[in-house]
Amino acid sequence: MITNDSVDDDQKNTTIHINTSRATKKRFSTLARKNNQKLKDWILEAMEEKAECIKKSRSSISSLQYK
């Protein structure tokens, strides 16, 4: 196993270069966009469900008030 102590500067620079390559950045930005859209869809769905629950509870409360 390679620890940070045994890695020389050339290996560290190579690793940094590989991790920040343009292809890698593009791949991560594509994944982020897809995940962002999934997250937005999930939040929208949750908000719609919450709105339905609020409407139901308000109608239940108002029907109880008039009895």
N, C-alpha and C. Protein backbone atom coordinates (compact mmCIF):
# COMPACT_ATOMS: atom_id res chain seq x y z
N MET A 1 0.85 -1.19 0.00
CA MET A 1 0.00 0.00 0.00
C MET A 1 0.89 1.25 0.00
N ILE A 2 0.53 2.20 -0.80
CA ILE A 2 1.31 3.44 -0.89
C ILE A 2 0.71 4.47 0.06
N THR A 3 1.54 5.00 0.90
CA THR A 3 1.08 6.07 1.78
C THR A 3 1.56 7.40 1.21
N ASN A 4 1.03 8.46 1.73
CA ASN A 4 1.43 9.79 1.26
C ASN A 4 2.92 10.05 1.49
N ASP A 5 3.48 9.47 2.53
CA ASP A 5 4.90 9.69 2.84
C ASP A 5 5.81 9.08 1.78
N SER A 6 5.39 7.95 1.20
CA SER A 6 6.26 7.25 0.25
C SER A 6 6.06 7.71 -1.19
N VAL A 7 5.12 8.60 -1.45
CA VAL A 7 4.87 9.09 -2.81
C VAL A 7 5.76 10.30 -3.07
N ASP A 8 6.51 10.25 -4.15
CA ASP A 8 7.37 11.40 -4.46
C ASP A 8 6.57 12.48 -5.20
N ASP A 9 7.18 13.64 -5.40
CA ASP A 9 6.48 14.78 -5.99
C ASP A 9 5.99 14.51 -7.40
N ASP A 10 6.75 13.76 -8.20
CA ASP A 10 6.33 13.47 -9.57
C ASP A 10 5.03 12.68 -9.58
N GLN A 11 4.90 11.71 -8.70
CA GLN A 11 3.68 10.92 -8.64
C GLN A 11 2.50 11.77 -8.18
N LYS A 12 2.73 12.65 -7.23
CA LYS A 12 1.65 13.52 -6.75
C LYS A 12 1.17 14.43 -7.88
N ASN A 13 2.09 15.01 -8.62
CA ASN A 13 1.72 15.89 -9.72
C ASN A 13 0.95 15.15 -10.80
N THR A 14 1.36 13.93 -11.10
CA THR A 14 0.68 13.11 -12.10
C THR A 14 -0.75 12.84 -11.65
N THR A 15 -0.91 12.48 -10.40
CA THR A 15 -2.23 12.18 -9.87
C THR A 15 -3.12 13.41 -9.95
N ILE A 16 -2.61 14.55 -9.58
CA ILE A 16 -3.38 15.79 -9.65
C ILE A 16 -3.77 16.09 -11.09
N HIS A 17 -2.84 15.89 -12.01
CA HIS A 17 -3.13 16.15 -13.43
C HIS A 17 -4.23 15.23 -13.94
N ILE A 18 -4.18 13.96 -13.57
CA ILE A 18 -5.19 13.00 -14.02
C ILE A 18 -6.55 13.38 -13.44
N ASN A 19 -6.59 13.74 -12.18
CA ASN A 19 -7.86 14.04 -11.52
C ASN A 19 -8.51 15.31 -12.05
N THR A 20 -7.73 16.22 -12.60
CA THR A 20 -8.31 17.47 -13.08
C THR A 20 -8.31 17.55 -14.61
N SER A 21 -8.23 16.40 -15.27
CA SER A 21 -8.25 16.43 -16.74
C SER A 21 -9.60 16.93 -17.23
N ARG A 22 -9.63 17.42 -18.45
CA ARG A 22 -10.85 17.99 -19.01
C ARG A 22 -11.95 16.93 -19.13
N ALA A 23 -11.59 15.73 -19.54
CA ALA A 23 -12.57 14.65 -19.67
C ALA A 23 -13.21 14.32 -18.33
N THR A 24 -12.39 14.29 -17.29
CA THR A 24 -12.92 13.99 -15.97
C THR A 24 -13.86 15.09 -15.50
N LYS A 25 -13.47 16.34 -15.71
CA LYS A 25 -14.34 17.45 -15.32
C LYS A 25 -15.66 17.39 -16.07
N LYS A 26 -15.60 17.09 -17.38
CA LYS A 26 -16.82 17.01 -18.18
C LYS A 26 -17.71 15.89 -17.67
N ARG A 27 -17.11 14.76 -17.35
CA ARG A 27 -17.88 13.63 -16.85
C ARG A 27 -18.57 13.99 -15.54
N PHE A 28 -17.84 14.64 -14.64
CA PHE A 28 -18.43 15.01 -13.36
C PHE A 28 -19.51 16.07 -13.53
N SER A 29 -19.33 17.02 -14.44
CA SER A 29 -20.35 18.04 -14.64
C SER A 29 -21.61 17.43 -15.25
N THR A 30 -21.45 16.45 -16.13
CA THR A 30 -22.61 15.76 -16.70
C THR A 30 -23.35 15.01 -15.61
N LEU A 31 -22.61 14.30 -14.77
CA LEU A 31 -23.25 13.59 -13.66
C LEU A 31 -23.95 14.56 -12.72
N ALA A 32 -23.32 15.69 -12.45
CA ALA A 32 -23.91 16.68 -11.55
C ALA A 32 -25.21 17.23 -12.13
N ARG A 33 -25.23 17.50 -13.45
CA ARG A 33 -26.45 17.99 -14.08
C ARG A 33 -27.57 16.97 -13.99
N LYS A 34 -27.25 15.70 -14.27
CA LYS A 34 -28.27 14.65 -14.18
C LYS A 34 -28.78 14.52 -12.76
N ASN A 35 -27.87 14.51 -11.80
CA ASN A 35 -28.28 14.40 -10.40
C ASN A 35 -29.05 15.63 -9.96
N ASN A 36 -28.65 16.81 -10.44
CA ASN A 36 -29.37 18.04 -10.13
C ASN A 36 -30.81 17.94 -10.60
N GLN A 37 -31.01 17.46 -11.83
CA GLN A 37 -32.36 17.35 -12.38
C GLN A 37 -33.17 16.34 -11.57
N LYS A 38 -32.56 15.22 -11.19
CA LYS A 38 -33.26 14.23 -10.37
C LYS A 38 -33.65 14.85 -9.03
N LEU A 39 -32.74 15.62 -8.46
CA LEU A 39 -33.01 16.26 -7.17
C LEU A 39 -34.14 17.28 -7.30
N LYS A 40 -34.12 18.08 -8.37
CA LYS A 40 -35.19 19.05 -8.59
C LYS A 40 -36.53 18.36 -8.76
N ASP A 41 -36.56 17.26 -9.53
CA ASP A 41 -37.80 16.51 -9.72
C ASP A 41 -38.30 15.94 -8.40
N TRP A 42 -37.37 15.42 -7.60
CA TRP A 42 -37.75 14.84 -6.32
C TRP A 42 -38.31 15.91 -5.38
N ILE A 43 -37.68 17.09 -5.35
CA ILE A 43 -38.15 18.18 -4.49
C ILE A 43 -39.53 18.65 -4.94
N LEU A 44 -39.72 18.78 -6.26
CA LEU A 44 -41.01 19.21 -6.79
C LEU A 44 -42.10 18.22 -6.42
N GLU A 45 -41.81 16.94 -6.55
CA GLU A 45 -42.78 15.90 -6.20
C GLU A 45 -43.12 15.96 -4.72
N ALA A 46 -42.12 16.15 -3.88
CA ALA A 46 -42.34 16.24 -2.44
C ALA A 46 -43.18 17.46 -2.09
N MET A 47 -42.92 18.58 -2.77
CA MET A 47 -43.70 19.80 -2.51
C MET A 47 -45.15 19.62 -2.93
N GLU A 48 -45.38 18.93 -4.05
CA GLU A 48 -46.75 18.68 -4.49
C GLU A 48 -47.49 17.79 -3.50
N GLU A 49 -46.81 16.75 -3.00
CA GLU A 49 -47.42 15.88 -2.00
C GLU A 49 -47.74 16.66 -0.73
N LYS A 50 -46.84 17.53 -0.32
CA LYS A 50 -47.06 18.33 0.88
C LYS A 50 -48.26 19.26 0.68
N ALA A 51 -48.37 19.84 -0.51
CA ALA A 51 -49.49 20.73 -0.80
C ALA A 51 -50.81 19.97 -0.73
N GLU A 52 -50.83 18.74 -1.24
CA GLU A 52 -52.04 17.92 -1.17
C GLU A 52 -52.40 17.63 0.28
N CYS A 53 -51.42 17.29 1.09
CA CYS A 53 -51.66 17.00 2.50
C CYS A 53 -52.21 18.23 3.23
N ILE A 54 -51.66 19.39 2.91
CA ILE A 54 -52.12 20.63 3.54
C ILE A 54 -53.57 20.91 3.15
N LYS A 55 -53.89 20.73 1.87
CA LYS A 55 -55.27 20.94 1.42
C LYS A 55 -56.23 20.01 2.13
N LYS A 56 -55.84 18.73 2.24
CA LYS A 56 -56.70 17.76 2.92
C LYS A 56 -56.89 18.12 4.38
N SER A 57 -55.81 18.51 5.05
CA SER A 57 -55.92 18.84 6.47
C SER A 57 -56.75 20.10 6.67
N ARG A 58 -56.60 21.08 5.78
CA ARG A 58 -57.40 22.30 5.89
C ARG A 58 -58.88 22.01 5.67
N SER A 59 -59.18 21.17 4.69
CA SER A 59 -60.59 20.85 4.45
C SER A 59 -61.15 20.06 5.62
N SER A 60 -60.35 19.20 6.23
CA SER A 60 -60.80 18.45 7.41
C SER A 60 -61.04 19.38 8.58
N ILE A 61 -60.14 20.33 8.77
CA ILE A 61 -60.29 21.28 9.88
C ILE A 61 -61.52 22.16 9.66
N SER A 62 -61.70 22.64 8.43
CA SER A 62 -62.86 23.51 8.19
C SER A 62 -64.16 22.73 8.32
N SER A 63 -64.19 21.47 7.94
CA SER A 63 -65.42 20.69 8.10
C SER A 63 -65.70 20.43 9.58
N LEU A 64 -64.66 20.29 10.39
CA LEU A 64 -64.86 20.11 11.83
C LEU A 64 -65.35 21.40 12.48
N GLN A 65 -64.91 22.54 11.98
CA GLN A 65 -65.30 23.81 12.57
C GLN A 65 -66.79 24.08 12.34
N TYR A 66 -67.34 23.63 11.24
CA TYR A 66 -68.73 23.92 10.92
C TYR A 66 -69.69 22.91 11.54
N LYS A 67 -69.20 21.86 12.16
CA LYS A 67 -70.09 20.87 12.78
C LYS A 67 -70.51 21.30 14.15
